[in-house]
Amino acid sequence: MNGYFAAYAADHAGQSGSRKAWEEDRRVRIVNKPKISVKVSDLRVSVDGNKAEASFRQNYEAGTLVTTSRKSLSLAKEGGR
């Protein structure tokens, strides 16, 4: 999970309100799942200097949960990466 968390900004809290709550929520959703499948389609990326926006459709399957939703990501260079 450390590599997963490292991919996010140090101050990222998602909709959980705090980084600690967000990390716990992620652990519950990810750890001990026998299989997680994520497929991305309709990817669109725009870049402006050191920032980028990506939007896509995500098909997610984990156990009995199967969802399809639109996602948007805001990306920024931080610490040289």
N, C-alpha and C. Protein backbone atom coordinates (compact mmCIF):
# COMPACT_ATOMS: atom_id res chain seq x y z
N MET A 1 0.82 -1.19 0.00
CA MET A 1 0.00 0.00 0.00
C MET A 1 0.86 1.26 0.00
N ASN A 2 2.10 1.18 0.47
CA ASN A 2 2.93 2.38 0.54
C ASN A 2 3.17 2.99 -0.83
N GLY A 3 3.40 2.15 -1.83
CA GLY A 3 3.59 2.65 -3.20
C GLY A 3 2.33 3.30 -3.74
N TYR A 4 1.19 2.73 -3.42
CA TYR A 4 -0.09 3.30 -3.83
C TYR A 4 -0.27 4.68 -3.22
N PHE A 5 -0.04 4.79 -1.91
CA PHE A 5 -0.20 6.08 -1.23
C PHE A 5 0.80 7.11 -1.74
N ALA A 6 2.00 6.66 -2.08
CA ALA A 6 3.05 7.58 -2.54
C ALA A 6 2.71 8.21 -3.89
N ALA A 7 1.79 7.60 -4.64
CA ALA A 7 1.39 8.15 -5.93
C ALA A 7 0.50 9.39 -5.77
N TYR A 8 0.03 9.64 -4.56
CA TYR A 8 -0.85 10.78 -4.27
C TYR A 8 -0.07 11.86 -3.55
N ALA A 9 -0.49 13.11 -3.72
CA ALA A 9 0.14 14.23 -3.01
C ALA A 9 0.06 13.98 -1.50
N ALA A 10 1.06 14.45 -0.78
CA ALA A 10 1.13 14.22 0.67
C ALA A 10 -0.08 14.78 1.41
N ASP A 11 -0.71 15.82 0.85
CA ASP A 11 -1.87 16.42 1.52
C ASP A 11 -3.21 15.94 0.96
N HIS A 12 -3.17 14.90 0.10
CA HIS A 12 -4.42 14.38 -0.48
C HIS A 12 -5.28 13.74 0.60
N ALA A 13 -6.56 14.11 0.63
CA ALA A 13 -7.48 13.54 1.61
C ALA A 13 -8.74 13.00 0.95
N GLY A 14 -8.88 13.14 -0.37
CA GLY A 14 -10.07 12.66 -1.04
C GLY A 14 -11.31 13.29 -0.42
N GLN A 15 -12.39 12.54 -0.37
CA GLN A 15 -13.62 13.03 0.24
C GLN A 15 -13.73 12.63 1.70
N SER A 16 -12.68 12.02 2.23
CA SER A 16 -12.70 11.52 3.60
C SER A 16 -12.45 12.61 4.65
N GLY A 17 -11.90 13.74 4.23
CA GLY A 17 -11.67 14.84 5.16
C GLY A 17 -10.26 14.93 5.72
N SER A 18 -9.57 13.80 5.82
CA SER A 18 -8.19 13.81 6.29
C SER A 18 -7.41 12.73 5.58
N ARG A 19 -6.11 12.90 5.52
CA ARG A 19 -5.25 11.91 4.87
C ARG A 19 -5.38 10.56 5.59
N LYS A 20 -5.37 10.59 6.92
CA LYS A 20 -5.46 9.34 7.69
C LYS A 20 -6.76 8.60 7.39
N ALA A 21 -7.88 9.31 7.37
CA ALA A 21 -9.17 8.69 7.08
C ALA A 21 -9.20 8.15 5.65
N TRP A 22 -8.62 8.90 4.71
CA TRP A 22 -8.58 8.45 3.32
C TRP A 22 -7.76 7.17 3.19
N GLU A 23 -6.59 7.12 3.84
CA GLU A 23 -5.76 5.91 3.78
C GLU A 23 -6.49 4.71 4.36
N GLU A 24 -7.18 4.88 5.46
CA GLU A 24 -7.92 3.78 6.07
C GLU A 24 -9.04 3.30 5.14
N ASP A 25 -9.75 4.25 4.53
CA ASP A 25 -10.80 3.91 3.57
C ASP A 25 -10.24 3.10 2.40
N ARG A 26 -9.09 3.51 1.89
CA ARG A 26 -8.43 2.79 0.79
C ARG A 26 -8.04 1.39 1.22
N ARG A 27 -7.47 1.25 2.41
CA ARG A 27 -7.07 -0.08 2.89
C ARG A 27 -8.26 -1.03 2.95
N VAL A 28 -9.38 -0.55 3.50
CA VAL A 28 -10.58 -1.38 3.62
C VAL A 28 -11.05 -1.82 2.24
N ARG A 29 -10.97 -0.93 1.25
CA ARG A 29 -11.46 -1.25 -0.09
C ARG A 29 -10.51 -2.13 -0.90
N ILE A 30 -9.21 -2.12 -0.54
CA ILE A 30 -8.23 -2.80 -1.39
C ILE A 30 -7.65 -4.07 -0.77
N VAL A 31 -7.23 -4.00 0.49
CA VAL A 31 -6.54 -5.12 1.13
C VAL A 31 -7.47 -6.32 1.24
N ASN A 32 -6.92 -7.50 1.00
CA ASN A 32 -7.62 -8.78 1.12
C ASN A 32 -8.72 -9.02 0.08
N LYS A 33 -8.75 -8.24 -0.97
CA LYS A 33 -9.67 -8.54 -2.07
C LYS A 33 -8.99 -9.59 -2.94
N PRO A 34 -9.68 -10.68 -3.24
CA PRO A 34 -9.05 -11.73 -4.04
C PRO A 34 -8.69 -11.26 -5.45
N LYS A 35 -9.48 -10.34 -5.99
CA LYS A 35 -9.22 -9.85 -7.33
C LYS A 35 -9.87 -8.48 -7.49
N ILE A 36 -9.11 -7.56 -8.06
CA ILE A 36 -9.64 -6.24 -8.42
C ILE A 36 -9.31 -6.02 -9.88
N SER A 37 -10.31 -5.65 -10.65
CA SER A 37 -10.13 -5.39 -12.07
C SER A 37 -10.57 -3.96 -12.37
N VAL A 38 -9.69 -3.18 -13.00
CA VAL A 38 -10.02 -1.81 -13.39
C VAL A 38 -9.70 -1.66 -14.87
N LYS A 39 -10.70 -1.21 -15.62
CA LYS A 39 -10.50 -0.96 -17.05
C LYS A 39 -10.84 0.50 -17.31
N VAL A 40 -10.02 1.15 -18.12
CA VAL A 40 -10.19 2.56 -18.46
C VAL A 40 -10.51 2.68 -19.94
N SER A 41 -11.50 3.54 -20.26
CA SER A 41 -11.82 3.82 -21.66
C SER A 41 -12.16 5.30 -21.79
N ASP A 42 -12.23 5.77 -23.02
CA ASP A 42 -12.56 7.17 -23.31
C ASP A 42 -11.63 8.15 -22.58
N LEU A 43 -10.34 7.84 -22.56
CA LEU A 43 -9.36 8.68 -21.87
C LEU A 43 -9.11 9.97 -22.64
N ARG A 44 -9.18 11.09 -21.92
CA ARG A 44 -8.84 12.40 -22.48
C ARG A 44 -7.90 13.09 -21.51
N VAL A 45 -6.81 13.65 -22.03
CA VAL A 45 -5.81 14.31 -21.20
C VAL A 45 -5.52 15.69 -21.76
N SER A 46 -5.49 16.69 -20.89
CA SER A 46 -5.05 18.02 -21.30
C SER A 46 -3.90 18.43 -20.38
N VAL A 47 -2.88 19.07 -20.97
CA VAL A 47 -1.69 19.46 -20.23
C VAL A 47 -1.51 20.96 -20.33
N ASP A 48 -1.17 21.57 -19.19
CA ASP A 48 -0.90 23.01 -19.13
C ASP A 48 0.29 23.22 -18.20
N GLY A 49 1.48 23.33 -18.76
CA GLY A 49 2.68 23.49 -17.95
C GLY A 49 2.95 22.27 -17.10
N ASN A 50 3.02 22.47 -15.79
CA ASN A 50 3.29 21.38 -14.85
C ASN A 50 2.04 20.69 -14.35
N LYS A 51 0.88 21.03 -14.94
CA LYS A 51 -0.38 20.43 -14.50
C LYS A 51 -1.07 19.72 -15.65
N ALA A 52 -1.84 18.71 -15.32
CA ALA A 52 -2.60 17.97 -16.33
C ALA A 52 -3.94 17.55 -15.73
N GLU A 53 -4.92 17.42 -16.59
CA GLU A 53 -6.24 16.92 -16.22
C GLU A 53 -6.53 15.70 -17.08
N ALA A 54 -6.98 14.63 -16.46
CA ALA A 54 -7.34 13.42 -17.19
C ALA A 54 -8.78 13.07 -16.84
N SER A 55 -9.58 12.73 -17.84
CA SER A 55 -10.94 12.26 -17.60
C SER A 55 -11.13 10.96 -18.37
N PHE A 56 -11.92 10.06 -17.81
CA PHE A 56 -12.09 8.75 -18.41
C PHE A 56 -13.30 8.03 -17.82
N ARG A 57 -13.69 6.95 -18.45
CA ARG A 57 -14.72 6.05 -17.92
C ARG A 57 -13.98 4.88 -17.28
N GLN A 58 -14.37 4.54 -16.05
CA GLN A 58 -13.73 3.44 -15.32
C GLN A 58 -14.73 2.32 -15.10
N ASN A 59 -14.35 1.11 -15.47
CA ASN A 59 -15.10 -0.11 -15.15
C ASN A 59 -14.32 -0.80 -14.03
N TYR A 60 -14.97 -0.96 -12.87
CA TYR A 60 -14.32 -1.47 -11.67
C TYR A 60 -15.06 -2.71 -11.19
N GLU A 61 -14.29 -3.77 -10.90
CA GLU A 61 -14.86 -5.00 -10.35
C GLU A 61 -14.00 -5.48 -9.20
N ALA A 62 -14.63 -5.73 -8.06
CA ALA A 62 -13.95 -6.29 -6.89
C ALA A 62 -14.98 -7.11 -6.12
N GLY A 63 -14.80 -8.41 -6.14
CA GLY A 63 -15.78 -9.28 -5.49
C GLY A 63 -17.14 -9.13 -6.16
N THR A 64 -18.15 -8.83 -5.37
CA THR A 64 -19.50 -8.68 -5.93
C THR A 64 -19.79 -7.26 -6.40
N LEU A 65 -18.87 -6.32 -6.14
CA LEU A 65 -19.07 -4.94 -6.56
C LEU A 65 -18.63 -4.74 -8.00
N VAL A 66 -19.54 -4.29 -8.84
CA VAL A 66 -19.25 -3.99 -10.24
C VAL A 66 -19.83 -2.61 -10.53
N THR A 67 -18.96 -1.65 -10.90
CA THR A 67 -19.43 -0.29 -11.18
C THR A 67 -18.78 0.26 -12.43
N THR A 68 -19.47 1.17 -13.06
CA THR A 68 -18.95 1.96 -14.17
C THR A 68 -19.23 3.41 -13.85
N SER A 69 -18.19 4.24 -13.93
CA SER A 69 -18.38 5.65 -13.60
C SER A 69 -17.40 6.51 -14.37
N ARG A 70 -17.69 7.81 -14.44
CA ARG A 70 -16.77 8.78 -15.02
C ARG A 70 -15.84 9.24 -13.91
N LYS A 71 -14.57 9.40 -14.25
CA LYS A 71 -13.57 9.85 -13.28
C LYS A 71 -12.80 11.01 -13.87
N SER A 72 -12.33 11.89 -13.00
CA SER A 72 -11.45 12.99 -13.38
C SER A 72 -10.29 13.02 -12.40
N LEU A 73 -9.10 13.20 -12.93
CA LEU A 73 -7.91 13.30 -12.10
C LEU A 73 -7.20 14.61 -12.40
N SER A 74 -6.76 15.28 -11.36
CA SER A 74 -5.92 16.46 -11.50
C SER A 74 -4.52 16.04 -11.11
N LEU A 75 -3.57 16.26 -12.00
CA LEU A 75 -2.20 15.84 -11.75
C LEU A 75 -1.29 17.06 -11.77
N ALA A 76 -0.24 17.04 -10.95
CA ALA A 76 0.70 18.14 -10.91
C ALA A 76 2.09 17.59 -10.55
N LYS A 77 3.12 18.18 -11.14
CA LYS A 77 4.47 17.79 -10.77
C LYS A 77 4.71 18.26 -9.34
N GLU A 78 5.27 17.36 -8.54
CA GLU A 78 5.57 17.68 -7.15
C GLU A 78 6.89 17.00 -6.79
N GLY A 79 7.80 17.75 -6.27
CA GLY A 79 9.09 17.17 -5.90
C GLY A 79 9.84 16.60 -7.10
N GLY A 80 9.71 17.24 -8.25
CA GLY A 80 10.41 16.79 -9.45
C GLY A 80 9.78 15.63 -10.19
N ARG A 81 8.60 15.20 -9.73
CA ARG A 81 7.93 14.10 -10.43
C ARG A 81 6.45 14.34 -10.56
